[in-house]
Amino acid sequence: MPTFDEFQERVRTFQSDGMALFATTSFQGHSVPMLHMLARIDVHIPVYYVDTGYLFPETLRFRDQLKEMLGLTFVGLRPAVPKSQQRDA
């Protein structure tokens, strides 16, 4: 597992090479250390999550708390099929 300095160096290298960076999260506890490190490096790197329309209110509050504490931008990705048309396959 890379150290913070190694993680930061990789991010900076990708940025200097002109690569577009992003992160993903499921808002589980194990995501928080990575989000914290990312915020220390560059708060402008977007963080994507799948917004199924069925997220618990607690999950949305946790997202908002992380946004406020870390200054990150969270981007919800919604399915093309509306909730009313989703069904078990």
N, C-alpha and C. Protein backbone atom coordinates (compact mmCIF):
# COMPACT_ATOMS: atom_id res chain seq x y z
N MET A 1 0.85 -1.17 0.00
CA MET A 1 0.00 0.00 0.00
C MET A 1 0.90 1.24 0.00
N PRO A 2 0.62 2.19 -0.88
CA PRO A 2 1.49 3.37 -0.95
C PRO A 2 1.31 4.28 0.27
N THR A 3 2.37 4.97 0.60
CA THR A 3 2.30 5.97 1.66
C THR A 3 1.62 7.22 1.10
N PHE A 4 1.29 8.16 2.00
CA PHE A 4 0.68 9.40 1.54
C PHE A 4 1.59 10.11 0.54
N ASP A 5 2.88 10.17 0.83
CA ASP A 5 3.81 10.85 -0.07
C ASP A 5 3.85 10.20 -1.45
N GLU A 6 3.80 8.87 -1.48
CA GLU A 6 3.79 8.16 -2.77
C GLU A 6 2.48 8.43 -3.52
N PHE A 7 1.37 8.42 -2.80
CA PHE A 7 0.07 8.71 -3.39
C PHE A 7 0.07 10.13 -3.97
N GLN A 8 0.58 11.08 -3.19
CA GLN A 8 0.64 12.47 -3.64
C GLN A 8 1.53 12.60 -4.88
N GLU A 9 2.65 11.92 -4.87
CA GLU A 9 3.57 11.98 -6.01
C GLU A 9 2.90 11.44 -7.27
N ARG A 10 2.16 10.36 -7.14
CA ARG A 10 1.47 9.78 -8.30
C ARG A 10 0.42 10.75 -8.85
N VAL A 11 -0.35 11.35 -7.95
CA VAL A 11 -1.36 12.32 -8.39
C VAL A 11 -0.70 13.48 -9.10
N ARG A 12 0.35 14.02 -8.52
CA ARG A 12 1.06 15.15 -9.14
C ARG A 12 1.65 14.78 -10.50
N THR A 13 2.19 13.56 -10.61
CA THR A 13 2.74 13.11 -11.89
C THR A 13 1.64 13.02 -12.94
N PHE A 14 0.51 12.44 -12.59
CA PHE A 14 -0.61 12.35 -13.53
C PHE A 14 -1.06 13.75 -13.95
N GLN A 15 -1.14 14.66 -12.98
CA GLN A 15 -1.57 16.02 -13.30
C GLN A 15 -0.57 16.71 -14.22
N SER A 16 0.72 16.56 -13.94
CA SER A 16 1.73 17.22 -14.78
C SER A 16 1.77 16.62 -16.18
N ASP A 17 1.32 15.37 -16.32
CA ASP A 17 1.23 14.74 -17.64
C ASP A 17 -0.06 15.11 -18.36
N GLY A 18 -0.87 15.97 -17.74
CA GLY A 18 -2.10 16.44 -18.37
C GLY A 18 -3.27 15.48 -18.29
N MET A 19 -3.17 14.50 -17.41
CA MET A 19 -4.26 13.53 -17.28
C MET A 19 -5.40 14.10 -16.45
N ALA A 20 -6.61 13.78 -16.85
CA ALA A 20 -7.79 14.16 -16.08
C ALA A 20 -7.99 13.12 -14.98
N LEU A 21 -8.04 13.57 -13.76
CA LEU A 21 -8.16 12.66 -12.62
C LEU A 21 -9.55 12.74 -12.00
N PHE A 22 -9.99 11.63 -11.45
CA PHE A 22 -11.21 11.59 -10.67
C PHE A 22 -11.09 10.44 -9.69
N ALA A 23 -11.97 10.46 -8.70
CA ALA A 23 -12.04 9.37 -7.73
C ALA A 23 -13.49 8.90 -7.66
N THR A 24 -13.68 7.72 -7.08
CA THR A 24 -15.03 7.21 -6.85
C THR A 24 -15.18 6.84 -5.39
N THR A 25 -16.42 6.84 -4.93
CA THR A 25 -16.69 6.45 -3.55
C THR A 25 -18.04 5.78 -3.45
N SER A 26 -18.16 4.92 -2.46
CA SER A 26 -19.45 4.31 -2.12
C SER A 26 -19.93 4.84 -0.77
N PHE A 27 -19.17 5.78 -0.20
CA PHE A 27 -19.45 6.38 1.11
C PHE A 27 -19.38 5.36 2.24
N GLN A 28 -18.64 4.29 2.04
CA GLN A 28 -18.37 3.35 3.12
C GLN A 28 -17.18 3.89 3.92
N GLY A 29 -17.05 3.43 5.12
CA GLY A 29 -15.99 3.92 6.00
C GLY A 29 -14.59 3.78 5.43
N HIS A 30 -14.35 2.71 4.66
CA HIS A 30 -13.00 2.50 4.12
C HIS A 30 -12.65 3.51 3.02
N SER A 31 -13.63 4.27 2.52
CA SER A 31 -13.36 5.29 1.50
C SER A 31 -12.82 6.59 2.11
N VAL A 32 -13.14 6.82 3.37
CA VAL A 32 -12.83 8.10 4.00
C VAL A 32 -11.33 8.41 4.04
N PRO A 33 -10.45 7.46 4.38
CA PRO A 33 -9.02 7.80 4.37
C PRO A 33 -8.53 8.26 3.00
N MET A 34 -8.99 7.58 1.93
CA MET A 34 -8.58 7.97 0.59
C MET A 34 -9.12 9.36 0.25
N LEU A 35 -10.37 9.65 0.62
CA LEU A 35 -10.94 10.97 0.35
C LEU A 35 -10.20 12.05 1.13
N HIS A 36 -9.81 11.74 2.36
CA HIS A 36 -9.04 12.70 3.16
C HIS A 36 -7.69 13.00 2.51
N MET A 37 -7.01 11.95 2.05
CA MET A 37 -5.72 12.17 1.38
C MET A 37 -5.92 12.97 0.10
N LEU A 38 -6.94 12.65 -0.66
CA LEU A 38 -7.21 13.37 -1.90
C LEU A 38 -7.46 14.85 -1.62
N ALA A 39 -8.22 15.14 -0.58
CA ALA A 39 -8.51 16.53 -0.22
C ALA A 39 -7.24 17.28 0.18
N ARG A 40 -6.30 16.60 0.80
CA ARG A 40 -5.03 17.24 1.17
C ARG A 40 -4.18 17.55 -0.05
N ILE A 41 -4.38 16.78 -1.12
CA ILE A 41 -3.58 16.96 -2.33
C ILE A 41 -4.21 17.99 -3.26
N ASP A 42 -5.51 17.81 -3.57
CA ASP A 42 -6.17 18.71 -4.52
C ASP A 42 -7.69 18.55 -4.40
N VAL A 43 -8.35 19.54 -3.82
CA VAL A 43 -9.80 19.46 -3.64
C VAL A 43 -10.57 19.61 -4.95
N HIS A 44 -9.89 19.93 -6.03
CA HIS A 44 -10.57 20.13 -7.31
C HIS A 44 -10.74 18.83 -8.11
N ILE A 45 -10.20 17.74 -7.62
CA ILE A 45 -10.39 16.45 -8.28
C ILE A 45 -11.80 15.97 -7.93
N PRO A 46 -12.67 15.77 -8.93
CA PRO A 46 -14.05 15.38 -8.62
C PRO A 46 -14.13 13.95 -8.09
N VAL A 47 -15.12 13.73 -7.24
CA VAL A 47 -15.37 12.41 -6.67
C VAL A 47 -16.77 11.97 -7.11
N TYR A 48 -16.82 10.89 -7.87
CA TYR A 48 -18.08 10.38 -8.41
C TYR A 48 -18.65 9.28 -7.53
N TYR A 49 -19.97 9.21 -7.51
CA TYR A 49 -20.67 8.13 -6.82
C TYR A 49 -21.93 7.79 -7.61
N VAL A 50 -22.40 6.57 -7.46
CA VAL A 50 -23.61 6.13 -8.14
C VAL A 50 -24.82 6.55 -7.30
N ASP A 51 -25.65 7.40 -7.88
CA ASP A 51 -26.87 7.85 -7.21
C ASP A 51 -28.04 7.07 -7.80
N THR A 52 -28.40 6.00 -7.15
CA THR A 52 -29.45 5.11 -7.64
C THR A 52 -30.84 5.69 -7.42
N GLY A 53 -30.92 6.75 -6.62
CA GLY A 53 -32.22 7.26 -6.23
C GLY A 53 -32.75 6.56 -4.99
N TYR A 54 -32.00 5.58 -4.52
CA TYR A 54 -32.40 4.80 -3.34
C TYR A 54 -31.41 4.95 -2.19
N LEU A 55 -30.56 5.96 -2.23
CA LEU A 55 -29.60 6.15 -1.15
C LEU A 55 -30.33 6.53 0.13
N PHE A 56 -29.85 6.00 1.24
CA PHE A 56 -30.44 6.32 2.53
C PHE A 56 -30.21 7.79 2.85
N PRO A 57 -31.13 8.43 3.58
CA PRO A 57 -30.93 9.81 4.01
C PRO A 57 -29.61 9.98 4.78
N GLU A 58 -29.24 8.95 5.56
CA GLU A 58 -27.99 9.01 6.32
C GLU A 58 -26.78 9.06 5.38
N THR A 59 -26.86 8.37 4.27
CA THR A 59 -25.77 8.38 3.29
C THR A 59 -25.64 9.77 2.68
N LEU A 60 -26.76 10.39 2.36
CA LEU A 60 -26.72 11.74 1.78
C LEU A 60 -26.20 12.76 2.80
N ARG A 61 -26.57 12.59 4.06
CA ARG A 61 -26.04 13.48 5.10
C ARG A 61 -24.53 13.29 5.26
N PHE A 62 -24.09 12.03 5.21
CA PHE A 62 -22.66 11.73 5.30
C PHE A 62 -21.91 12.37 4.14
N ARG A 63 -22.46 12.26 2.93
CA ARG A 63 -21.87 12.92 1.75
C ARG A 63 -21.73 14.43 2.01
N ASP A 64 -22.80 15.04 2.51
CA ASP A 64 -22.78 16.48 2.76
C ASP A 64 -21.76 16.85 3.84
N GLN A 65 -21.64 16.00 4.87
CA GLN A 65 -20.65 16.25 5.92
C GLN A 65 -19.23 16.17 5.36
N LEU A 66 -18.98 15.16 4.52
CA LEU A 66 -17.65 15.02 3.91
C LEU A 66 -17.35 16.22 3.02
N LYS A 67 -18.34 16.66 2.27
CA LYS A 67 -18.16 17.83 1.39
C LYS A 67 -17.77 19.05 2.22
N GLU A 68 -18.47 19.26 3.32
CA GLU A 68 -18.19 20.41 4.18
C GLU A 68 -16.82 20.29 4.86
N MET A 69 -16.50 19.11 5.37
CA MET A 69 -15.25 18.91 6.11
C MET A 69 -14.03 18.91 5.19
N LEU A 70 -14.16 18.28 4.02
CA LEU A 70 -13.00 18.08 3.15
C LEU A 70 -12.92 19.05 1.98
N GLY A 71 -14.04 19.69 1.64
CA GLY A 71 -14.04 20.64 0.53
C GLY A 71 -14.04 19.99 -0.84
N LEU A 72 -14.37 18.71 -0.90
CA LEU A 72 -14.39 18.00 -2.18
C LEU A 72 -15.70 18.23 -2.92
N THR A 73 -15.67 18.01 -4.23
CA THR A 73 -16.86 18.09 -5.05
C THR A 73 -17.33 16.68 -5.38
N PHE A 74 -18.53 16.34 -4.93
CA PHE A 74 -19.11 15.03 -5.20
C PHE A 74 -20.08 15.14 -6.37
N VAL A 75 -19.98 14.21 -7.30
CA VAL A 75 -20.81 14.21 -8.50
C VAL A 75 -21.61 12.91 -8.53
N GLY A 76 -22.93 13.03 -8.44
CA GLY A 76 -23.78 11.85 -8.49
C GLY A 76 -24.06 11.43 -9.92
N LEU A 77 -23.85 10.17 -10.20
CA LEU A 77 -24.15 9.61 -11.51
C LEU A 77 -25.46 8.84 -11.41
N ARG A 78 -26.45 9.29 -12.18
CA ARG A 78 -27.78 8.68 -12.12
C ARG A 78 -27.99 7.76 -13.31
N PRO A 79 -28.73 6.68 -13.11
CA PRO A 79 -29.01 5.77 -14.22
C PRO A 79 -29.91 6.43 -15.26
N ALA A 80 -29.81 5.97 -16.49
CA ALA A 80 -30.64 6.50 -17.57
C ALA A 80 -32.10 6.07 -17.41
N VAL A 81 -32.31 4.95 -16.74
CA VAL A 81 -33.67 4.43 -16.54
C VAL A 81 -34.23 5.01 -15.24
N PRO A 82 -35.38 5.69 -15.29
CA PRO A 82 -35.95 6.26 -14.06
C PRO A 82 -36.30 5.17 -13.05
N LYS A 83 -36.32 5.56 -11.76
CA LYS A 83 -36.64 4.60 -10.70
C LYS A 83 -37.94 3.87 -10.97
N SER A 84 -38.93 4.58 -11.48
CA SER A 84 -40.25 3.98 -11.71
C SER A 84 -40.21 2.86 -12.75
N GLN A 85 -39.17 2.83 -13.57
CA GLN A 85 -39.07 1.80 -14.61
C GLN A 85 -38.01 0.75 -14.30
N GLN A 86 -37.33 0.89 -13.17
CA GLN A 86 -36.32 -0.09 -12.80
C GLN A 86 -37.01 -1.31 -12.19
N ARG A 87 -36.50 -2.48 -12.51
CA ARG A 87 -37.06 -3.71 -11.95
C ARG A 87 -35.96 -4.75 -11.87
N ASP A 88 -36.23 -5.79 -11.11
CA ASP A 88 -35.28 -6.90 -11.02
C ASP A 88 -35.21 -7.62 -12.35
N ALA A 89 -34.01 -7.99 -12.74
CA ALA A 89 -33.85 -8.71 -14.02
C ALA A 89 -33.96 -10.20 -13.81
